[in-house]
N, C-alpha and C. Protein backbone atom coordinates (compact mmCIF):
# COMPACT_ATOMS: atom_id res chain seq x y z
N MET A 1 -193.47 44.95 -84.36
CA MET A 1 -193.42 45.46 -85.71
C MET A 1 -193.45 44.30 -86.71
N VAL A 2 -192.64 43.27 -86.43
CA VAL A 2 -192.59 42.13 -87.36
C VAL A 2 -193.95 41.45 -87.44
N SER A 3 -194.60 41.25 -86.31
CA SER A 3 -195.91 40.59 -86.34
C SER A 3 -196.92 41.44 -87.11
N HIS A 4 -196.84 42.74 -86.98
CA HIS A 4 -197.73 43.64 -87.72
C HIS A 4 -197.49 43.50 -89.23
N LEU A 5 -196.22 43.52 -89.63
CA LEU A 5 -195.89 43.37 -91.05
C LEU A 5 -196.35 42.01 -91.59
N GLN A 6 -196.13 40.97 -90.82
CA GLN A 6 -196.53 39.64 -91.27
C GLN A 6 -198.04 39.48 -91.30
N HIS A 7 -198.73 40.13 -90.40
CA HIS A 7 -200.19 40.07 -90.42
C HIS A 7 -200.74 40.78 -91.66
N ALA A 8 -200.16 41.93 -91.98
CA ALA A 8 -200.63 42.70 -93.13
C ALA A 8 -200.22 42.06 -94.46
N ASN A 9 -199.07 41.40 -94.47
CA ASN A 9 -198.52 40.78 -95.70
C ASN A 9 -197.91 39.43 -95.34
N PRO A 10 -198.72 38.40 -95.16
CA PRO A 10 -198.24 37.12 -94.64
C PRO A 10 -197.16 36.44 -95.49
N ASP A 11 -197.07 36.72 -96.76
CA ASP A 11 -196.08 36.06 -97.61
C ASP A 11 -194.82 36.91 -97.82
N SER A 12 -194.74 38.04 -97.16
CA SER A 12 -193.58 38.93 -97.33
C SER A 12 -192.41 38.47 -96.48
N THR A 13 -191.22 38.72 -96.99
CA THR A 13 -190.00 38.46 -96.23
C THR A 13 -189.60 39.74 -95.52
N VAL A 14 -189.21 39.60 -94.27
CA VAL A 14 -188.78 40.75 -93.46
C VAL A 14 -187.27 40.64 -93.28
N LEU A 15 -186.56 41.73 -93.54
CA LEU A 15 -185.13 41.79 -93.34
C LEU A 15 -184.84 42.72 -92.17
N MET A 16 -184.26 42.17 -91.13
CA MET A 16 -183.88 42.96 -89.96
C MET A 16 -182.40 43.30 -90.09
N VAL A 17 -182.09 44.58 -90.08
CA VAL A 17 -180.71 45.04 -90.19
C VAL A 17 -180.20 45.39 -88.79
N GLY A 18 -179.06 44.83 -88.43
CA GLY A 18 -178.48 45.09 -87.13
C GLY A 18 -178.10 46.55 -86.96
N ILE A 19 -177.96 46.96 -85.72
CA ILE A 19 -177.52 48.32 -85.42
C ILE A 19 -176.08 48.47 -85.91
N LEU A 20 -175.82 49.51 -86.64
CA LEU A 20 -174.50 49.74 -87.20
C LEU A 20 -173.56 50.32 -86.15
N PRO A 21 -172.26 50.07 -86.29
CA PRO A 21 -171.32 50.65 -85.33
C PRO A 21 -171.37 52.17 -85.39
N CYS A 22 -171.21 52.80 -84.26
CA CYS A 22 -171.19 54.25 -84.24
C CYS A 22 -170.13 54.73 -83.26
N ALA A 23 -169.73 55.94 -83.42
CA ALA A 23 -168.66 56.51 -82.61
C ALA A 23 -169.19 56.99 -81.27
N ALA A 24 -168.35 56.84 -80.26
CA ALA A 24 -168.68 57.38 -78.95
C ALA A 24 -168.09 58.77 -78.78
N GLU A 25 -167.13 59.11 -79.65
CA GLU A 25 -166.48 60.41 -79.59
C GLU A 25 -167.24 61.40 -80.47
N THR A 26 -166.94 62.68 -80.28
CA THR A 26 -167.58 63.70 -81.10
C THR A 26 -166.75 64.09 -82.30
N SER A 27 -165.46 63.74 -82.32
CA SER A 27 -164.63 64.04 -83.48
C SER A 27 -163.69 62.87 -83.74
N PRO A 28 -163.38 62.63 -85.01
CA PRO A 28 -162.52 61.49 -85.33
C PRO A 28 -161.08 61.71 -84.89
N GLY A 29 -160.39 60.59 -84.70
CA GLY A 29 -158.99 60.65 -84.35
C GLY A 29 -158.14 60.83 -85.60
N PRO A 30 -156.84 60.55 -85.48
CA PRO A 30 -155.96 60.64 -86.65
C PRO A 30 -156.49 59.75 -87.77
N GLU A 31 -156.26 60.11 -88.97
CA GLU A 31 -156.71 59.38 -90.16
C GLU A 31 -158.22 59.46 -90.35
N GLY A 32 -158.91 60.31 -89.59
CA GLY A 32 -160.35 60.49 -89.77
C GLY A 32 -161.19 59.31 -89.34
N LEU A 33 -160.69 58.50 -88.39
CA LEU A 33 -161.43 57.32 -87.94
C LEU A 33 -161.81 57.45 -86.47
N PHE A 34 -162.94 56.84 -86.13
CA PHE A 34 -163.39 56.77 -84.74
C PHE A 34 -163.02 55.39 -84.19
N ALA A 35 -162.73 55.32 -82.90
CA ALA A 35 -162.33 54.07 -82.27
C ALA A 35 -163.47 53.06 -82.25
N TRP A 36 -163.13 51.81 -82.52
CA TRP A 36 -164.06 50.68 -82.39
C TRP A 36 -163.25 49.48 -82.00
N PRO A 37 -163.55 48.77 -80.95
CA PRO A 37 -164.72 48.96 -80.09
C PRO A 37 -164.58 50.21 -79.20
N ASN A 38 -165.72 50.64 -78.71
CA ASN A 38 -165.77 51.80 -77.83
C ASN A 38 -166.85 51.56 -76.77
N GLY A 39 -167.24 52.59 -76.07
CA GLY A 39 -168.22 52.46 -74.99
C GLY A 39 -169.60 52.02 -75.44
N LEU A 40 -169.89 52.11 -76.73
CA LEU A 40 -171.20 51.70 -77.25
C LEU A 40 -171.19 50.28 -77.80
N SER A 41 -170.02 49.72 -78.01
CA SER A 41 -169.89 48.43 -78.70
C SER A 41 -170.62 47.29 -78.01
N ALA A 42 -170.47 47.16 -76.71
CA ALA A 42 -171.07 46.04 -75.99
C ALA A 42 -172.60 46.06 -76.10
N GLY A 43 -173.19 47.23 -75.94
CA GLY A 43 -174.65 47.34 -76.04
C GLY A 43 -175.15 47.03 -77.45
N ILE A 44 -174.44 47.54 -78.45
CA ILE A 44 -174.81 47.28 -79.84
C ILE A 44 -174.71 45.79 -80.12
N SER A 45 -173.65 45.16 -79.64
CA SER A 45 -173.47 43.72 -79.85
C SER A 45 -174.59 42.91 -79.20
N ARG A 46 -174.98 43.27 -77.98
CA ARG A 46 -176.07 42.56 -77.29
C ARG A 46 -177.38 42.67 -78.06
N VAL A 47 -177.71 43.87 -78.50
CA VAL A 47 -178.95 44.07 -79.25
C VAL A 47 -178.91 43.28 -80.56
N ASN A 48 -177.78 43.33 -81.26
CA ASN A 48 -177.68 42.61 -82.53
C ASN A 48 -177.80 41.10 -82.34
N LYS A 49 -177.21 40.57 -81.28
CA LYS A 49 -177.35 39.13 -81.00
C LYS A 49 -178.81 38.77 -80.72
N ALA A 50 -179.51 39.64 -80.00
CA ALA A 50 -180.93 39.40 -79.72
C ALA A 50 -181.75 39.46 -81.01
N LEU A 51 -181.47 40.42 -81.87
CA LEU A 51 -182.18 40.51 -83.16
C LEU A 51 -181.91 39.27 -84.01
N GLU A 52 -180.66 38.84 -84.04
CA GLU A 52 -180.31 37.65 -84.82
C GLU A 52 -181.03 36.41 -84.29
N GLY A 53 -181.07 36.26 -82.96
CA GLY A 53 -181.77 35.14 -82.35
C GLY A 53 -183.27 35.17 -82.65
N PHE A 54 -183.86 36.35 -82.55
CA PHE A 54 -185.28 36.49 -82.85
C PHE A 54 -185.56 36.11 -84.30
N ALA A 55 -184.77 36.65 -85.22
CA ALA A 55 -184.99 36.39 -86.65
C ALA A 55 -184.85 34.90 -86.97
N SER A 56 -183.91 34.23 -86.31
CA SER A 56 -183.68 32.82 -86.61
C SER A 56 -184.86 31.93 -86.20
N GLN A 57 -185.71 32.42 -85.35
CA GLN A 57 -186.86 31.64 -84.88
C GLN A 57 -188.16 32.01 -85.58
N GLN A 58 -188.09 32.91 -86.56
CA GLN A 58 -189.28 33.39 -87.24
C GLN A 58 -189.31 32.90 -88.69
N HIS A 59 -190.51 32.70 -89.19
CA HIS A 59 -190.71 32.32 -90.58
C HIS A 59 -190.58 33.56 -91.47
N LEU A 60 -189.79 33.47 -92.51
CA LEU A 60 -189.59 34.54 -93.48
C LEU A 60 -189.01 35.82 -92.88
N VAL A 61 -188.24 35.66 -91.81
CA VAL A 61 -187.54 36.80 -91.21
C VAL A 61 -186.05 36.50 -91.27
N HIS A 62 -185.29 37.44 -91.81
CA HIS A 62 -183.85 37.27 -91.95
C HIS A 62 -183.15 38.43 -91.25
N TYR A 63 -181.93 38.18 -90.84
CA TYR A 63 -181.12 39.18 -90.14
C TYR A 63 -179.82 39.39 -90.90
N VAL A 64 -179.37 40.62 -90.99
CA VAL A 64 -178.06 40.92 -91.58
C VAL A 64 -177.33 41.90 -90.66
N ASP A 65 -176.05 41.63 -90.46
CA ASP A 65 -175.19 42.50 -89.67
C ASP A 65 -174.15 43.10 -90.60
N CYS A 66 -174.17 44.40 -90.77
CA CYS A 66 -173.26 45.09 -91.70
C CYS A 66 -172.09 45.74 -90.98
N THR A 67 -171.82 45.33 -89.74
CA THR A 67 -170.75 45.95 -88.97
C THR A 67 -169.43 45.94 -89.72
N ASP A 68 -169.02 44.78 -90.23
CA ASP A 68 -167.72 44.70 -90.91
C ASP A 68 -167.64 45.63 -92.11
N GLU A 69 -168.74 45.80 -92.81
CA GLU A 69 -168.75 46.67 -93.98
C GLU A 69 -168.63 48.15 -93.60
N MET A 70 -168.97 48.48 -92.38
CA MET A 70 -168.93 49.87 -91.93
C MET A 70 -167.60 50.24 -91.27
N LEU A 71 -166.74 49.24 -91.10
CA LEU A 71 -165.47 49.50 -90.44
C LEU A 71 -164.34 49.61 -91.46
N LEU A 72 -163.37 50.42 -91.17
CA LEU A 72 -162.18 50.58 -91.99
C LEU A 72 -161.00 50.47 -91.04
N GLN A 73 -160.13 49.52 -91.26
CA GLN A 73 -158.99 49.27 -90.38
C GLN A 73 -159.46 49.03 -88.94
N GLY A 74 -160.61 48.36 -88.79
CA GLY A 74 -161.13 48.05 -87.47
C GLY A 74 -161.71 49.23 -86.71
N GLN A 75 -161.90 50.36 -87.40
CA GLN A 75 -162.47 51.54 -86.75
C GLN A 75 -163.64 52.06 -87.58
N VAL A 76 -164.49 52.83 -86.92
CA VAL A 76 -165.67 53.38 -87.58
C VAL A 76 -165.24 54.45 -88.56
N ARG A 77 -165.74 54.32 -89.79
CA ARG A 77 -165.42 55.32 -90.82
C ARG A 77 -166.07 56.65 -90.48
N HIS A 78 -165.38 57.71 -90.79
CA HIS A 78 -165.94 59.06 -90.60
C HIS A 78 -166.72 59.44 -91.85
N GLN A 79 -167.99 59.72 -91.69
CA GLN A 79 -168.84 60.16 -92.80
C GLN A 79 -169.02 61.66 -92.72
N ALA A 80 -168.44 62.39 -93.64
CA ALA A 80 -168.53 63.86 -93.60
C ALA A 80 -169.87 64.33 -94.06
């Protein structure tokens, strides 16, 4: 995808956004929060590290990880 975007628009900057934390449960716990880390955390972390590594080796490609912004008290916020 990145090579396609760069081929079509060689001077454009590409921003890769990491996979956001998500809940492994179907309903939030007390206080309306989902547990983090959970069964999905390790896989999400591996993919995000790979994306970050890829972006660091590319021209005009940047990576951002918004995990911390999506967490509240170290747990995944419940979005109603």
